[in-house]
């Protein structure tokens, strides 16, 4: 619960302007089937990609 509030404040203040999916190497439908995609702010499968 606490991280939801923290992320809301960070988005409002534009401290985290990008979603994780924007830079994830799994950012395509066959690789990622999580319901949070494409707007995940937190993801256990996140791996930095080369975008």
PDB file of N, CA and C in Angstrom:
ATOM      1  N   UNK A   1       0.820  -1.202   0.000  1.00  0.00           N
ATOM      2  CA  UNK A   1       0.000   0.000   0.000  1.00  0.00           C
ATOM      3  C   UNK A   1       0.859   1.260   0.000  1.00  0.00           C
ATOM      4  N   UNK A   2       1.893   1.281   0.839  1.00  0.00           N
ATOM      5  CA  UNK A   2       2.722   2.476   0.954  1.00  0.00           C
ATOM      6  C   UNK A   2       3.387   2.850  -0.363  1.00  0.00           C
ATOM      7  N   UNK A   3       3.845   1.855  -1.136  1.00  0.00           N
ATOM      8  CA  UNK A   3       4.529   2.191  -2.392  1.00  0.00           C
ATOM      9  C   UNK A   3       3.573   2.813  -3.392  1.00  0.00           C
ATOM     10  N   UNK A   4       2.262   2.517  -3.321  1.00  0.00           N
ATOM     11  CA  UNK A   4       1.281   3.163  -4.204  1.00  0.00           C
ATOM     12  C   UNK A   4       1.246   4.663  -3.938  1.00  0.00           C
ATOM     13  N   UNK A   5       1.205   5.028  -2.689  1.00  0.00           N
ATOM     14  CA  UNK A   5       1.173   6.438  -2.308  1.00  0.00           C
ATOM     15  C   UNK A   5       2.474   7.118  -2.718  1.00  0.00           C
ATOM     16  N   UNK A   6       3.585   6.456  -2.454  1.00  0.00           N
ATOM     17  CA  UNK A   6       4.886   7.018  -2.807  1.00  0.00           C
ATOM     18  C   UNK A   6       5.000   7.227  -4.322  1.00  0.00           C
ATOM     19  N   UNK A   7       4.577   6.248  -5.115  1.00  0.00           N
ATOM     20  CA  UNK A   7       4.646   6.375  -6.563  1.00  0.00           C
ATOM     21  C   UNK A   7       3.705   7.458  -7.084  1.00  0.00           C
ATOM     22  N   UNK A   8       2.548   7.610  -6.462  1.00  0.00           N
ATOM     23  CA  UNK A   8       1.626   8.666  -6.860  1.00  0.00           C
ATOM     24  C   UNK A   8       2.280  10.033  -6.679  1.00  0.00           C
ATOM     25  N   UNK A   9       2.903  10.258  -5.534  1.00  0.00           N
ATOM     26  CA  UNK A   9       3.581  11.526  -5.296  1.00  0.00           C
ATOM     27  C   UNK A   9       4.743  11.736  -6.264  1.00  0.00           C
ATOM     28  N   UNK A  10       5.484  10.678  -6.561  1.00  0.00           N
ATOM     29  CA  UNK A  10       6.609  10.806  -7.491  1.00  0.00           C
ATOM     30  C   UNK A  10       6.118  11.154  -8.891  1.00  0.00           C
ATOM     31  N   UNK A  11       5.002  10.572  -9.319  1.00  0.00           N
ATOM     32  CA  UNK A  11       4.443  10.896 -10.638  1.00  0.00           C
ATOM     33  C   UNK A  11       3.917  12.314 -10.678  1.00  0.00           C
ATOM     34  N   UNK A  12       3.263  12.745  -9.606  1.00  0.00           N
ATOM     35  CA  UNK A  12       2.737  14.118  -9.549  1.00  0.00           C
ATOM     36  C   UNK A  12       3.883  15.117  -9.627  1.00  0.00           C
ATOM     37  N   UNK A  13       4.964  14.833  -8.927  1.00  0.00           N
ATOM     38  CA  UNK A  13       6.121  15.732  -8.914  1.00  0.00           C
ATOM     39  C   UNK A  13       7.063  15.505 -10.093  1.00  0.00           C
ATOM     40  N   UNK A  14       6.728  14.564 -10.969  1.00  0.00           N
ATOM     41  CA  UNK A  14       7.514  14.231 -12.157  1.00  0.00           C
ATOM     42  C   UNK A  14       8.932  13.763 -11.826  1.00  0.00           C
ATOM     43  N   UNK A  15       9.085  13.099 -10.690  1.00  0.00           N
ATOM     44  CA  UNK A  15      10.388  12.543 -10.347  1.00  0.00           C
ATOM     45  C   UNK A  15      10.643  11.246 -11.119  1.00  0.00           C
ATOM     46  N   UNK A  16       9.592  10.542 -11.478  1.00  0.00           N
ATOM     47  CA  UNK A  16       9.678   9.321 -12.282  1.00  0.00           C
ATOM     48  C   UNK A  16       8.802   9.497 -13.520  1.00  0.00           C
ATOM     49  N   UNK A  17       9.252  10.229 -14.524  1.00  0.00           N
ATOM     50  CA  UNK A  17       8.396  10.518 -15.667  1.00  0.00           C
ATOM     51  C   UNK A  17       8.163   9.330 -16.589  1.00  0.00           C
ATOM     52  N   UNK A  18       8.976   8.284 -16.494  1.00  0.00           N
ATOM     53  CA  UNK A  18       8.840   7.147 -17.388  1.00  0.00           C
ATOM     54  C   UNK A  18       8.339   5.912 -16.653  1.00  0.00           C
ATOM     55  N   UNK A  19       7.588   5.113 -17.371  1.00  0.00           N
ATOM     56  CA  UNK A  19       7.176   3.821 -16.843  1.00  0.00           C
ATOM     57  C   UNK A  19       8.305   2.821 -17.091  1.00  0.00           C
ATOM     58  N   UNK A  20       8.384   1.790 -16.269  1.00  0.00           N
ATOM     59  CA  UNK A  20       9.422   0.774 -16.439  1.00  0.00           C
ATOM     60  C   UNK A  20       9.372   0.125 -17.815  1.00  0.00           C
ATOM     61  N   UNK A  21       8.176  -0.085 -18.326  1.00  0.00           N
ATOM     62  CA  UNK A  21       8.012  -0.768 -19.618  1.00  0.00           C
ATOM     63  C   UNK A  21       8.719  -0.034 -20.752  1.00  0.00           C
ATOM     64  N   UNK A  22       8.862   1.274 -20.635  1.00  0.00           N
ATOM     65  CA  UNK A  22       9.498   2.053 -21.691  1.00  0.00           C
ATOM     66  C   UNK A  22      10.959   1.672 -21.894  1.00  0.00           C
ATOM     67  N   UNK A  23      11.603   1.139 -20.869  1.00  0.00           N
ATOM     68  CA  UNK A  23      13.016   0.786 -20.983  1.00  0.00           C
ATOM     69  C   UNK A  23      13.292  -0.696 -20.727  1.00  0.00           C
ATOM     70  N   UNK A  24      12.241  -1.493 -20.668  1.00  0.00           N
ATOM     71  CA  UNK A  24      12.400  -2.918 -20.380  1.00  0.00           C
ATOM     72  C   UNK A  24      12.683  -3.723 -21.644  1.00  0.00           C
ATOM     73  N   UNK A  25      13.592  -4.680 -21.541  1.00  0.00           N
ATOM     74  CA  UNK A  25      13.894  -5.507 -22.710  1.00  0.00           C
ATOM     75  C   UNK A  25      12.766  -6.483 -23.025  1.00  0.00           C
ATOM     76  N   UNK A  26      11.809  -6.646 -22.125  1.00  0.00           N
ATOM     77  CA  UNK A  26      10.671  -7.534 -22.356  1.00  0.00           C
ATOM     78  C   UNK A  26       9.421  -6.761 -22.812  1.00  0.00           C
ATOM     79  N   UNK A  27       9.588  -5.555 -23.308  1.00  0.00           N
ATOM     80  CA  UNK A  27       8.449  -4.722 -23.680  1.00  0.00           C
ATOM     81  C   UNK A  27       7.891  -5.077 -25.060  1.00  0.00           C
ATOM     82  N   UNK A  28       7.365  -6.278 -25.153  1.00  0.00           N
ATOM     83  CA  UNK A  28       6.596  -6.695 -26.326  1.00  0.00           C
ATOM     84  C   UNK A  28       5.645  -7.795 -25.890  1.00  0.00           C
ATOM     85  N   UNK A  29       4.470  -7.885 -26.532  1.00  0.00           N
ATOM     86  CA  UNK A  29       3.380  -8.743 -26.041  1.00  0.00           C
ATOM     87  C   UNK A  29       3.719 -10.210 -25.795  1.00  0.00           C
ATOM     88  N   UNK A  30       4.532 -10.819 -26.604  1.00  0.00           N
ATOM     89  CA  UNK A  30       4.833 -12.240 -26.393  1.00  0.00           C
ATOM     90  C   UNK A  30       5.755 -12.483 -25.203  1.00  0.00           C
ATOM     91  N   UNK A  31       6.554 -11.489 -24.841  1.00  0.00           N
ATOM     92  CA  UNK A  31       7.485 -11.657 -23.724  1.00  0.00           C
ATOM     93  C   UNK A  31       6.877 -11.257 -22.387  1.00  0.00           C
ATOM     94  N   UNK A  32       5.973 -10.285 -22.410  1.00  0.00           N
ATOM     95  CA  UNK A  32       5.401  -9.788 -21.157  1.00  0.00           C
ATOM     96  C   UNK A  32       3.881  -9.851 -21.216  1.00  0.00           C
ATOM     97  N   UNK A  33       3.314 -10.635 -20.322  1.00  0.00           N
ATOM     98  CA  UNK A  33       1.857 -10.751 -20.272  1.00  0.00           C
ATOM     99  C   UNK A  33       1.286 -10.209 -18.962  1.00  0.00           C
ATOM    100  N   UNK A  34       2.075  -9.435 -18.267  1.00  0.00           N
ATOM    101  CA  UNK A  34       1.622  -8.859 -16.992  1.00  0.00           C
ATOM    102  C   UNK A  34       0.520  -7.837 -17.234  1.00  0.00           C
ATOM    103  N   UNK A  35      -0.481  -7.797 -16.354  1.00  0.00           N
ATOM    104  CA  UNK A  35      -1.594  -6.851 -16.538  1.00  0.00           C
ATOM    105  C   UNK A  35      -1.169  -5.389 -16.384  1.00  0.00           C
ATOM    106  N   UNK A  36      -0.044  -5.129 -15.728  1.00  0.00           N
ATOM    107  CA  UNK A  36       0.418  -3.757 -15.537  1.00  0.00           C
ATOM    108  C   UNK A  36       0.984  -3.149 -16.826  1.00  0.00           C
ATOM    109  N   UNK A  37       1.382  -3.989 -17.744  1.00  0.00           N
ATOM    110  CA  UNK A  37       1.995  -3.524 -18.980  1.00  0.00           C
ATOM    111  C   UNK A  37       0.994  -2.705 -19.779  1.00  0.00           C
ATOM    112  N   UNK A  38       1.345  -1.592 -20.351  1.00  0.00           N
ATOM    113  CA  UNK A  38       2.649  -0.958 -20.521  1.00  0.00           C
ATOM    114  C   UNK A  38       2.928   0.156 -19.519  1.00  0.00           C
ATOM    115  N   UNK A  39       2.178   0.222 -18.425  1.00  0.00           N
ATOM    116  CA  UNK A  39       2.317   1.327 -17.475  1.00  0.00           C
ATOM    117  C   UNK A  39       2.837   0.903 -16.110  1.00  0.00           C
ATOM    118  N   UNK A  40       3.685  -0.098 -16.067  1.00  0.00           N
ATOM    119  CA  UNK A  40       4.196  -0.586 -14.785  1.00  0.00           C
ATOM    120  C   UNK A  40       5.170   0.403 -14.153  1.00  0.00           C
ATOM    121  N   UNK A  41       4.966   0.627 -12.885  1.00  0.00           N
ATOM    122  CA  UNK A  41       5.884   1.460 -12.115  1.00  0.00           C
ATOM    123  C   UNK A  41       6.778   0.574 -11.242  1.00  0.00           C
ATOM    124  N   UNK A  42       6.395  -0.688 -11.126  1.00  0.00           N
ATOM    125  CA  UNK A  42       7.132  -1.651 -10.312  1.00  0.00           C
ATOM    126  C   UNK A  42       6.911  -3.021 -10.942  1.00  0.00           C
ATOM    127  N   UNK A  43       7.987  -3.787 -11.137  1.00  0.00           N
ATOM    128  CA  UNK A  43       7.844  -5.083 -11.788  1.00  0.00           C
ATOM    129  C   UNK A  43       8.994  -5.997 -11.389  1.00  0.00           C
ATOM    130  N   UNK A  44       8.695  -7.215 -10.927  1.00  0.00           N
ATOM    131  CA  UNK A  44       9.757  -8.138 -10.531  1.00  0.00           C
ATOM    132  C   UNK A  44      10.518  -8.714 -11.734  1.00  0.00           C
ATOM    133  N   UNK A  45       9.955  -8.631 -12.928  1.00  0.00           N
ATOM    134  CA  UNK A  45      10.603  -9.174 -14.123  1.00  0.00           C
ATOM    135  C   UNK A  45      11.394  -8.137 -14.916  1.00  0.00           C
ATOM    136  N   UNK A  46      11.438  -6.899 -14.450  1.00  0.00           N
ATOM    137  CA  UNK A  46      12.082  -5.820 -15.200  1.00  0.00           C
ATOM    138  C   UNK A  46      13.570  -6.094 -15.434  1.00  0.00           C
ATOM    139  N   UNK A  47      13.979  -5.916 -16.681  1.00  0.00           N
ATOM    140  CA  UNK A  47      15.397  -5.967 -17.060  1.00  0.00           C
ATOM    141  C   UNK A  47      15.655  -4.799 -18.001  1.00  0.00           C
ATOM    142  N   UNK A  48      16.684  -4.024 -17.716  1.00  0.00           N
ATOM    143  CA  UNK A  48      16.981  -2.858 -18.553  1.00  0.00           C
ATOM    144  C   UNK A  48      17.291  -3.282 -19.968  1.00  0.00           C
ATOM    145  N   UNK A  49      16.633  -2.629 -20.908  1.00  0.00           N
ATOM    146  CA  UNK A  49      16.817  -2.941 -22.323  1.00  0.00           C
ATOM    147  C   UNK A  49      17.621  -1.865 -23.025  1.00  0.00           C
ATOM    148  N   UNK A  50      17.789  -2.028 -24.295  1.00  0.00           N
ATOM    149  CA  UNK A  50      18.607  -1.099 -25.064  1.00  0.00           C
ATOM    150  C   UNK A  50      17.802  -0.130 -25.907  1.00  0.00           C
ATOM    151  N   UNK A  51      16.729   0.421 -25.361  1.00  0.00           N
ATOM    152  CA  UNK A  51      15.915   1.372 -26.131  1.00  0.00           C
ATOM    153  C   UNK A  51      16.435   2.765 -25.958  1.00  0.00           C
TER     154      UNK A  51
END
